[in-house]
PDB file of all heavy atoms in Angstrom:
ATOM      1  N   ALA A   1      12.766 -16.044  28.604  1.00  0.00           N
ATOM      2  CA  ALA A   1      13.042 -17.399  29.023  1.00  0.00           C
ATOM      3  C   ALA A   1      13.956 -18.126  28.030  1.00  0.00           C
ATOM      4  O   ALA A   1      14.819 -18.900  28.430  1.00  0.00           O
ATOM      5  CB  ALA A   1      11.733 -18.158  29.265  1.00  0.00           C
ATOM      6  N   ALA A   2      13.662 -17.893  26.741  1.00  0.00           N
ATOM      7  CA  ALA A   2      14.492 -18.526  25.696  1.00  0.00           C
ATOM      8  C   ALA A   2      15.940 -18.033  25.804  1.00  0.00           C
ATOM      9  O   ALA A   2      16.874 -18.871  25.665  1.00  0.00           O
ATOM     10  CB  ALA A   2      13.899 -18.217  24.316  1.00  0.00           C
ATOM     11  N   ILE A   3      16.106 -16.763  26.009  1.00  0.00           N
ATOM     12  CA  ILE A   3      17.490 -16.215  26.146  1.00  0.00           C
ATOM     13  C   ILE A   3      18.181 -16.813  27.360  1.00  0.00           C
ATOM     14  O   ILE A   3      19.337 -17.266  27.271  1.00  0.00           O
ATOM     15  CB  ILE A   3      17.425 -14.699  26.266  1.00  0.00           C
ATOM     16  CG1 ILE A   3      16.946 -14.066  24.965  1.00  0.00           C
ATOM     17  CG2 ILE A   3      18.775 -14.132  26.638  1.00  0.00           C
ATOM     18  CD1 ILE A   3      16.541 -12.644  25.055  1.00  0.00           C
ATOM     19  N   GLU A   4      17.486 -16.929  28.458  1.00  0.00           N
ATOM     20  CA  GLU A   4      18.081 -17.474  29.687  1.00  0.00           C
ATOM     21  C   GLU A   4      18.428 -18.945  29.508  1.00  0.00           C
ATOM     22  O   GLU A   4      19.342 -19.477  30.177  1.00  0.00           O
ATOM     23  CB  GLU A   4      17.120 -17.281  30.858  1.00  0.00           C
ATOM     24  CG  GLU A   4      17.003 -15.815  31.240  1.00  0.00           C
ATOM     25  CD  GLU A   4      15.911 -15.535  32.280  1.00  0.00           C
ATOM     26  OE1 GLU A   4      14.985 -16.380  32.417  1.00  0.00           O
ATOM     27  OE2 GLU A   4      15.988 -14.479  32.936  1.00  0.00           O
ATOM     28  N   ALA A   5      17.669 -19.632  28.607  1.00  0.00           N
ATOM     29  CA  ALA A   5      18.006 -21.043  28.351  1.00  0.00           C
ATOM     30  C   ALA A   5      19.098 -21.219  27.308  1.00  0.00           C
ATOM     31  O   ALA A   5      19.541 -22.356  27.081  1.00  0.00           O
ATOM     32  CB  ALA A   5      16.714 -21.724  27.863  1.00  0.00           C
ATOM     33  N   GLY A   6      19.538 -20.148  26.697  1.00  0.00           N
ATOM     34  CA  GLY A   6      20.662 -20.221  25.784  1.00  0.00           C
ATOM     35  C   GLY A   6      20.390 -19.860  24.346  1.00  0.00           C
ATOM     36  O   GLY A   6      21.273 -19.941  23.479  1.00  0.00           O
ATOM     37  N   ALA A   7      19.147 -19.495  23.995  1.00  0.00           N
ATOM     38  CA  ALA A   7      18.838 -19.050  22.631  1.00  0.00           C
ATOM     39  C   ALA A   7      19.626 -17.800  22.319  1.00  0.00           C
ATOM     40  O   ALA A   7      19.762 -16.891  23.148  1.00  0.00           O
ATOM     41  CB  ALA A   7      17.337 -18.833  22.465  1.00  0.00           C
ATOM     42  N   THR A   8      20.175 -17.725  21.105  1.00  0.00           N
ATOM     43  CA  THR A   8      20.954 -16.569  20.711  1.00  0.00           C
ATOM     44  C   THR A   8      20.359 -15.793  19.553  1.00  0.00           C
ATOM     45  O   THR A   8      20.912 -14.768  19.156  1.00  0.00           O
ATOM     46  CB  THR A   8      22.382 -17.029  20.303  1.00  0.00           C
ATOM     47  OG1 THR A   8      22.297 -18.141  19.422  1.00  0.00           O
ATOM     48  CG2 THR A   8      23.187 -17.452  21.542  1.00  0.00           C
ATOM     49  N   TYR A   9      19.230 -16.298  19.010  1.00  0.00           N
ATOM     50  CA  TYR A   9      18.477 -15.568  17.974  1.00  0.00           C
ATOM     51  C   TYR A   9      17.043 -15.430  18.441  1.00  0.00           C
ATOM     52  O   TYR A   9      16.410 -16.396  18.811  1.00  0.00           O
ATOM     53  CB  TYR A   9      18.481 -16.385  16.692  1.00  0.00           C
ATOM     54  CG  TYR A   9      19.782 -16.374  15.952  1.00  0.00           C
ATOM     55  CD1 TYR A   9      20.875 -17.133  16.381  1.00  0.00           C
ATOM     56  CD2 TYR A   9      19.959 -15.623  14.771  1.00  0.00           C
ATOM     57  CE1 TYR A   9      22.052 -17.166  15.701  1.00  0.00           C
ATOM     58  CE2 TYR A   9      21.181 -15.622  14.093  1.00  0.00           C
ATOM     59  CZ  TYR A   9      22.201 -16.384  14.553  1.00  0.00           C
ATOM     60  OH  TYR A   9      23.429 -16.387  13.889  1.00  0.00           O
ATOM     61  N   ILE A  10      16.557 -14.184  18.418  1.00  0.00           N
ATOM     62  CA  ILE A  10      15.173 -13.931  18.865  1.00  0.00           C
ATOM     63  C   ILE A  10      14.492 -13.039  17.810  1.00  0.00           C
ATOM     64  O   ILE A  10      14.999 -12.022  17.384  1.00  0.00           O
ATOM     65  CB  ILE A  10      15.133 -13.206  20.226  1.00  0.00           C
ATOM     66  CG1 ILE A  10      15.851 -13.982  21.312  1.00  0.00           C
ATOM     67  CG2 ILE A  10      13.673 -12.927  20.618  1.00  0.00           C
ATOM     68  CD1 ILE A  10      15.167 -15.295  21.715  1.00  0.00           C
ATOM     69  N   ASP A  11      13.263 -13.409  17.382  1.00  0.00           N
ATOM     70  CA  ASP A  11      12.489 -12.654  16.483  1.00  0.00           C
ATOM     71  C   ASP A  11      11.637 -11.647  17.243  1.00  0.00           C
ATOM     72  O   ASP A  11      11.024 -11.971  18.255  1.00  0.00           O
ATOM     73  CB  ASP A  11      11.510 -13.541  15.655  1.00  0.00           C
ATOM     74  CG  ASP A  11      12.253 -14.385  14.609  1.00  0.00           C
ATOM     75  OD1 ASP A  11      13.467 -14.297  14.538  1.00  0.00           O
ATOM     76  OD2 ASP A  11      11.523 -15.078  13.883  1.00  0.00           O
ATOM     77  N   CYS A  12      11.574 -10.393  16.722  1.00  0.00           N
ATOM     78  CA  CYS A  12      10.777  -9.361  17.314  1.00  0.00           C
ATOM     79  C   CYS A  12      10.132  -8.515  16.198  1.00  0.00           C
ATOM     80  O   CYS A  12      10.608  -8.546  15.053  1.00  0.00           O
ATOM     81  CB  CYS A  12      11.598  -8.450  18.175  1.00  0.00           C
ATOM     82  SG  CYS A  12      12.357  -9.198  19.628  1.00  0.00           S
ATOM     83  N   CYS A  13       9.124  -7.748  16.571  1.00  0.00           N
ATOM     84  CA  CYS A  13       8.539  -6.756  15.682  1.00  0.00           C
ATOM     85  C   CYS A  13       8.429  -5.449  16.393  1.00  0.00           C
ATOM     86  O   CYS A  13       8.073  -5.436  17.614  1.00  0.00           O
ATOM     87  CB  CYS A  13       7.155  -7.196  15.212  1.00  0.00           C
ATOM     88  SG  CYS A  13       7.125  -8.651  14.128  1.00  0.00           S
ATOM     89  N   LEU A  14       8.670  -4.348  15.761  1.00  0.00           N
ATOM     90  CA  LEU A  14       8.421  -3.062  16.358  1.00  0.00           C
ATOM     91  C   LEU A  14       6.929  -2.977  16.743  1.00  0.00           C
ATOM     92  O   LEU A  14       6.039  -3.316  15.985  1.00  0.00           O
ATOM     93  CB  LEU A  14       8.766  -1.944  15.368  1.00  0.00           C
ATOM     94  CG  LEU A  14      10.268  -1.732  15.132  1.00  0.00           C
ATOM     95  CD1 LEU A  14      10.451  -0.807  13.902  1.00  0.00           C
ATOM     96  CD2 LEU A  14      10.981  -1.160  16.318  1.00  0.00           C
ATOM     97  N   LYS A  15       6.670  -2.475  17.943  1.00  0.00           N
ATOM     98  CA  LYS A  15       5.335  -2.358  18.488  1.00  0.00           C
ATOM     99  C   LYS A  15       4.583  -3.736  18.503  1.00  0.00           C
ATOM    100  O   LYS A  15       3.376  -3.773  18.593  1.00  0.00           O
ATOM    101  CB  LYS A  15       4.499  -1.335  17.724  1.00  0.00           C
ATOM    102  CG  LYS A  15       5.077   0.074  17.776  1.00  0.00           C
ATOM    103  CD  LYS A  15       4.150   1.121  17.189  1.00  0.00           C
ATOM    104  CE  LYS A  15       3.007   1.475  18.141  1.00  0.00           C
ATOM    105  NZ  LYS A  15       3.494   2.166  19.341  1.00  0.00           N
ATOM    106  N   GLY A  16       5.342  -4.824  18.418  1.00  0.00           N
ATOM    107  CA  GLY A  16       4.730  -6.146  18.372  1.00  0.00           C
ATOM    108  C   GLY A  16       3.900  -6.377  17.158  1.00  0.00           C
ATOM    109  O   GLY A  16       3.044  -7.271  17.138  1.00  0.00           O
ATOM    110  N   PHE A  17       4.116  -5.624  16.074  1.00  0.00           N
ATOM    111  CA  PHE A  17       3.223  -5.596  14.928  1.00  0.00           C
ATOM    112  C   PHE A  17       3.434  -6.853  14.046  1.00  0.00           C
ATOM    113  O   PHE A  17       4.321  -6.900  13.202  1.00  0.00           O
ATOM    114  CB  PHE A  17       3.495  -4.327  14.100  1.00  0.00           C
ATOM    115  CG  PHE A  17       2.471  -4.077  13.043  1.00  0.00           C
ATOM    116  CD1 PHE A  17       1.149  -3.845  13.381  1.00  0.00           C
ATOM    117  CD2 PHE A  17       2.807  -4.061  11.684  1.00  0.00           C
ATOM    118  CE1 PHE A  17       0.185  -3.634  12.384  1.00  0.00           C
ATOM    119  CE2 PHE A  17       1.890  -3.854  10.702  1.00  0.00           C
ATOM    120  CZ  PHE A  17       0.575  -3.630  11.065  1.00  0.00           C
ATOM    121  N   GLY A  18       2.612  -7.851  14.308  1.00  0.00           N
ATOM    122  CA  GLY A  18       2.719  -9.099  13.567  1.00  0.00           C
ATOM    123  C   GLY A  18       1.353  -9.765  13.469  1.00  0.00           C
ATOM    124  O   GLY A  18       0.328  -9.208  13.876  1.00  0.00           O
ATOM    125  N   ALA A  19       1.345 -10.999  12.983  1.00  0.00           N
ATOM    126  CA  ALA A  19       0.107 -11.714  12.755  1.00  0.00           C
ATOM    127  C   ALA A  19      -0.628 -12.011  14.078  1.00  0.00           C
ATOM    128  O   ALA A  19      -0.039 -12.147  15.129  1.00  0.00           O
ATOM    129  CB  ALA A  19       0.421 -13.032  12.043  1.00  0.00           C
ATOM    130  N   GLY A  20      -1.969 -12.142  13.915  1.00  0.00           N
ATOM    131  CA  GLY A  20      -2.786 -12.465  15.084  1.00  0.00           C
ATOM    132  C   GLY A  20      -2.668 -11.477  16.215  1.00  0.00           C
ATOM    133  O   GLY A  20      -2.939 -10.279  16.022  1.00  0.00           O
ATOM    134  N   ALA A  21      -2.267 -11.953  17.411  1.00  0.00           N
ATOM    135  CA  ALA A  21      -2.135 -11.074  18.537  1.00  0.00           C
ATOM    136  C   ALA A  21      -0.774 -10.369  18.558  1.00  0.00           C
ATOM    137  O   ALA A  21      -0.448  -9.683  19.518  1.00  0.00           O
ATOM    138  CB  ALA A  21      -2.331 -11.847  19.829  1.00  0.00           C
ATOM    139  N   GLY A  22       0.002 -10.538  17.492  1.00  0.00           N
ATOM    140  CA  GLY A  22       1.266  -9.839  17.435  1.00  0.00           C
ATOM    141  C   GLY A  22       2.424 -10.668  17.954  1.00  0.00           C
ATOM    142  O   GLY A  22       2.252 -11.781  18.472  1.00  0.00           O
ATOM    143  N   ASN A  23       3.609 -10.100  17.838  1.00  0.00           N
ATOM    144  CA  ASN A  23       4.864 -10.771  18.211  1.00  0.00           C
ATOM    145  C   ASN A  23       5.480 -10.114  19.434  1.00  0.00           C
ATOM    146  O   ASN A  23       4.934  -9.171  19.973  1.00  0.00           O
ATOM    147  CB  ASN A  23       5.847 -10.707  17.044  1.00  0.00           C
ATOM    148  CG  ASN A  23       5.346 -11.390  15.814  1.00  0.00           C
ATOM    149  OD1 ASN A  23       4.241 -11.147  15.353  1.00  0.00           O
ATOM    150  ND2 ASN A  23       6.161 -12.287  15.249  1.00  0.00           N
ATOM    151  N   CYS A  24       6.634 -10.603  19.794  1.00  0.00           N
ATOM    152  CA  CYS A  24       7.386  -9.974  20.880  1.00  0.00           C
ATOM    153  C   CYS A  24       7.781  -8.550  20.421  1.00  0.00           C
ATOM    154  O   CYS A  24       8.415  -8.382  19.391  1.00  0.00           O
ATOM    155  CB  CYS A  24       8.624 -10.763  21.163  1.00  0.00           C
ATOM    156  SG  CYS A  24       9.695 -10.045  22.458  1.00  0.00           S
ATOM    157  N   PRO A  25       7.388  -7.528  21.209  1.00  0.00           N
ATOM    158  CA  PRO A  25       7.741  -6.133  20.808  1.00  0.00           C
ATOM    159  C   PRO A  25       9.244  -5.901  20.916  1.00  0.00           C
ATOM    160  O   PRO A  25       9.837  -6.143  21.978  1.00  0.00           O
ATOM    161  CB  PRO A  25       6.940  -5.278  21.799  1.00  0.00           C
ATOM    162  CG  PRO A  25       5.885  -6.179  22.317  1.00  0.00           C
ATOM    163  CD  PRO A  25       6.468  -7.552  22.321  1.00  0.00           C
ATOM    164  N   LEU A  26       9.873  -5.457  19.875  1.00  0.00           N
ATOM    165  CA  LEU A  26      11.297  -5.264  19.855  1.00  0.00           C
ATOM    166  C   LEU A  26      11.750  -4.276  20.922  1.00  0.00           C
ATOM    167  O   LEU A  26      12.729  -4.532  21.641  1.00  0.00           O
ATOM    168  CB  LEU A  26      11.730  -4.727  18.448  1.00  0.00           C
ATOM    169  CG  LEU A  26      13.211  -4.736  18.122  1.00  0.00           C
ATOM    170  CD1 LEU A  26      13.383  -4.778  16.637  1.00  0.00           C
ATOM    171  CD2 LEU A  26      13.931  -3.478  18.677  1.00  0.00           C
ATOM    172  N   GLU A  27      11.047  -3.165  21.047  1.00  0.00           N
ATOM    173  CA  GLU A  27      11.457  -2.149  22.028  1.00  0.00           C
ATOM    174  C   GLU A  27      11.439  -2.709  23.461  1.00  0.00           C
ATOM    175  O   GLU A  27      12.299  -2.390  24.270  1.00  0.00           O
ATOM    176  CB  GLU A  27      10.572  -0.915  22.005  1.00  0.00           C
ATOM    177  CG  GLU A  27      10.155  -0.457  20.618  1.00  0.00           C
ATOM    178  CD  GLU A  27       8.861  -1.103  20.156  1.00  0.00           C
ATOM    179  OE1 GLU A  27       8.926  -2.271  19.752  1.00  0.00           O
ATOM    180  OE2 GLU A  27       7.805  -0.430  20.258  1.00  0.00           O
ATOM    181  N   ILE A  28      10.414  -3.531  23.744  1.00  0.00           N
ATOM    182  CA  ILE A  28      10.270  -4.096  25.065  1.00  0.00           C
ATOM    183  C   ILE A  28      11.384  -5.086  25.332  1.00  0.00           C
ATOM    184  O   ILE A  28      11.998  -5.089  26.404  1.00  0.00           O
ATOM    185  CB  ILE A  28       8.868  -4.731  25.257  1.00  0.00           C
ATOM    186  CG1 ILE A  28       7.842  -3.601  25.286  1.00  0.00           C
ATOM    187  CG2 ILE A  28       8.814  -5.598  26.520  1.00  0.00           C
ATOM    188  CD1 ILE A  28       6.430  -4.091  25.414  1.00  0.00           C
ATOM    189  N   LEU A  29      11.697  -5.969  24.359  1.00  0.00           N
ATOM    190  CA  LEU A  29      12.732  -6.969  24.607  1.00  0.00           C
ATOM    191  C   LEU A  29      14.092  -6.271  24.740  1.00  0.00           C
ATOM    192  O   LEU A  29      14.899  -6.668  25.582  1.00  0.00           O
ATOM    193  CB  LEU A  29      12.759  -7.990  23.463  1.00  0.00           C
ATOM    194  CG  LEU A  29      13.731  -9.135  23.787  1.00  0.00           C
ATOM    195  CD1 LEU A  29      13.198  -9.990  24.924  1.00  0.00           C
ATOM    196  CD2 LEU A  29      14.013  -9.973  22.572  1.00  0.00           C
ATOM    197  N   ALA A  30      14.332  -5.211  23.930  1.00  0.00           N
ATOM    198  CA  ALA A  30      15.579  -4.502  24.060  1.00  0.00           C
ATOM    199  C   ALA A  30      15.775  -3.905  25.462  1.00  0.00           C
ATOM    200  O   ALA A  30      16.838  -3.962  26.045  1.00  0.00           O
ATOM    201  CB  ALA A  30      15.662  -3.390  23.005  1.00  0.00           C
ATOM    202  N   ALA A  31      14.673  -3.378  26.004  1.00  0.00           N
ATOM    203  CA  ALA A  31      14.710  -2.817  27.340  1.00  0.00           C
ATOM    204  C   ALA A  31      14.940  -3.892  28.374  1.00  0.00           C
ATOM    205  O   ALA A  31      15.723  -3.737  29.328  1.00  0.00           O
ATOM    206  CB  ALA A  31      13.414  -2.041  27.640  1.00  0.00           C
ATOM    207  N   ILE A  32      14.249  -5.030  28.211  1.00  0.00           N
ATOM    208  CA  ILE A  32      14.426  -6.151  29.172  1.00  0.00           C
ATOM    209  C   ILE A  32      15.862  -6.625  29.144  1.00  0.00           C
ATOM    210  O   ILE A  32      16.499  -6.860  30.198  1.00  0.00           O
ATOM    211  CB  ILE A  32      13.458  -7.290  28.804  1.00  0.00           C
ATOM    212  CG1 ILE A  32      12.024  -6.895  29.150  1.00  0.00           C
ATOM    213  CG2 ILE A  32      13.882  -8.584  29.528  1.00  0.00           C
ATOM    214  CD1 ILE A  32      10.978  -7.890  28.618  1.00  0.00           C
ATOM    215  N   CYS A  33      16.411  -6.762  27.945  1.00  0.00           N
ATOM    216  CA  CYS A  33      17.781  -7.239  27.824  1.00  0.00           C
ATOM    217  C   CYS A  33      18.802  -6.272  28.483  1.00  0.00           C
ATOM    218  O   CYS A  33      19.756  -6.770  29.122  1.00  0.00           O
ATOM    219  CB  CYS A  33      18.149  -7.493  26.377  1.00  0.00           C
ATOM    220  SG  CYS A  33      17.384  -8.969  25.685  1.00  0.00           S
ATOM    221  N   GLU A  34      18.572  -5.010  28.332  1.00  0.00           N
ATOM    222  CA  GLU A  34      19.443  -4.064  29.048  1.00  0.00           C
ATOM    223  C   GLU A  34      19.351  -4.234  30.549  1.00  0.00           C
ATOM    224  O   GLU A  34      20.349  -4.179  31.255  1.00  0.00           O
ATOM    225  CB  GLU A  34      19.080  -2.628  28.664  1.00  0.00           C
ATOM    226  CG  GLU A  34      19.538  -2.243  27.285  1.00  0.00           C
ATOM    227  CD  GLU A  34      19.602  -0.702  27.074  1.00  0.00           C
ATOM    228  OE1 GLU A  34      19.580   0.041  28.081  1.00  0.00           O
ATOM    229  OE2 GLU A  34      19.633  -0.275  25.934  1.00  0.00           O
ATOM    230  N   ARG A  35      18.142  -4.508  31.045  1.00  0.00           N
ATOM    231  CA  ARG A  35      17.936  -4.702  32.504  1.00  0.00           C
ATOM    232  C   ARG A  35      18.646  -5.967  33.004  1.00  0.00           C
ATOM    233  O   ARG A  35      19.170  -5.965  34.124  1.00  0.00           O
ATOM    234  CB  ARG A  35      16.425  -4.820  32.785  1.00  0.00           C
ATOM    235  CG  ARG A  35      15.660  -3.490  32.598  1.00  0.00           C
ATOM    236  CD  ARG A  35      15.796  -2.605  33.837  1.00  0.00           C
ATOM    237  NE  ARG A  35      15.403  -3.279  35.083  1.00  0.00           N
ATOM    238  CZ  ARG A  35      14.191  -3.441  35.549  1.00  0.00           C
ATOM    239  NH1 ARG A  35      13.154  -2.968  34.843  1.00  0.00           N
ATOM    240  NH2 ARG A  35      13.983  -4.068  36.681  1.00  0.00           N
ATOM    241  N   ILE A  36      18.697  -7.010  32.193  1.00  0.00           N
ATOM    242  CA  ILE A  36      19.304  -8.273  32.656  1.00  0.00           C
ATOM    243  C   ILE A  36      20.699  -8.488  32.176  1.00  0.00           C
ATOM    244  O   ILE A  36      21.300  -9.571  32.375  1.00  0.00           O
ATOM    245  CB  ILE A  36      18.413  -9.466  32.281  1.00  0.00           C
ATOM    246  CG1 ILE A  36      18.314  -9.657  30.746  1.00  0.00           C
ATOM    247  CG2 ILE A  36      16.999  -9.318  32.891  1.00  0.00           C
ATOM    248  CD1 ILE A  36      17.556 -10.912  30.312  1.00  0.00           C
ATOM    249  N   GLY A  37      21.294  -7.482  31.532  1.00  0.00           N
ATOM    250  CA  GLY A  37      22.688  -7.571  31.154  1.00  0.00           C
ATOM    251  C   GLY A  37      22.971  -8.434  29.924  1.00  0.00           C
ATOM    252  O   GLY A  37      24.010  -9.046  29.832  1.00  0.00           O
ATOM    253  N   VAL A  38      21.999  -8.403  28.945  1.00  0.00           N
ATOM    254  CA  VAL A  38      22.192  -9.109  27.703  1.00  0.00           C
ATOM    255  C   VAL A  38      22.388  -8.103  26.565  1.00  0.00           C
ATOM    256  O   VAL A  38      21.535  -7.238  26.412  1.00  0.00           O
ATOM    257  CB  VAL A  38      21.025 -10.071  27.414  1.00  0.00           C
ATOM    258  CG1 VAL A  38      21.099 -10.675  26.020  1.00  0.00           C
ATOM    259  CG2 VAL A  38      20.945 -11.173  28.464  1.00  0.00           C
TER     260      VAL A  38
END
């Protein structure tokens, strides 16, 4: 949603490995971006 709104910097972690419940998984976002042409 942030990308679609115009954000150009996104934080991710491999396997979502971050504090608490984790972060946006890098591999998943990379796959999503390929799907939506980003």
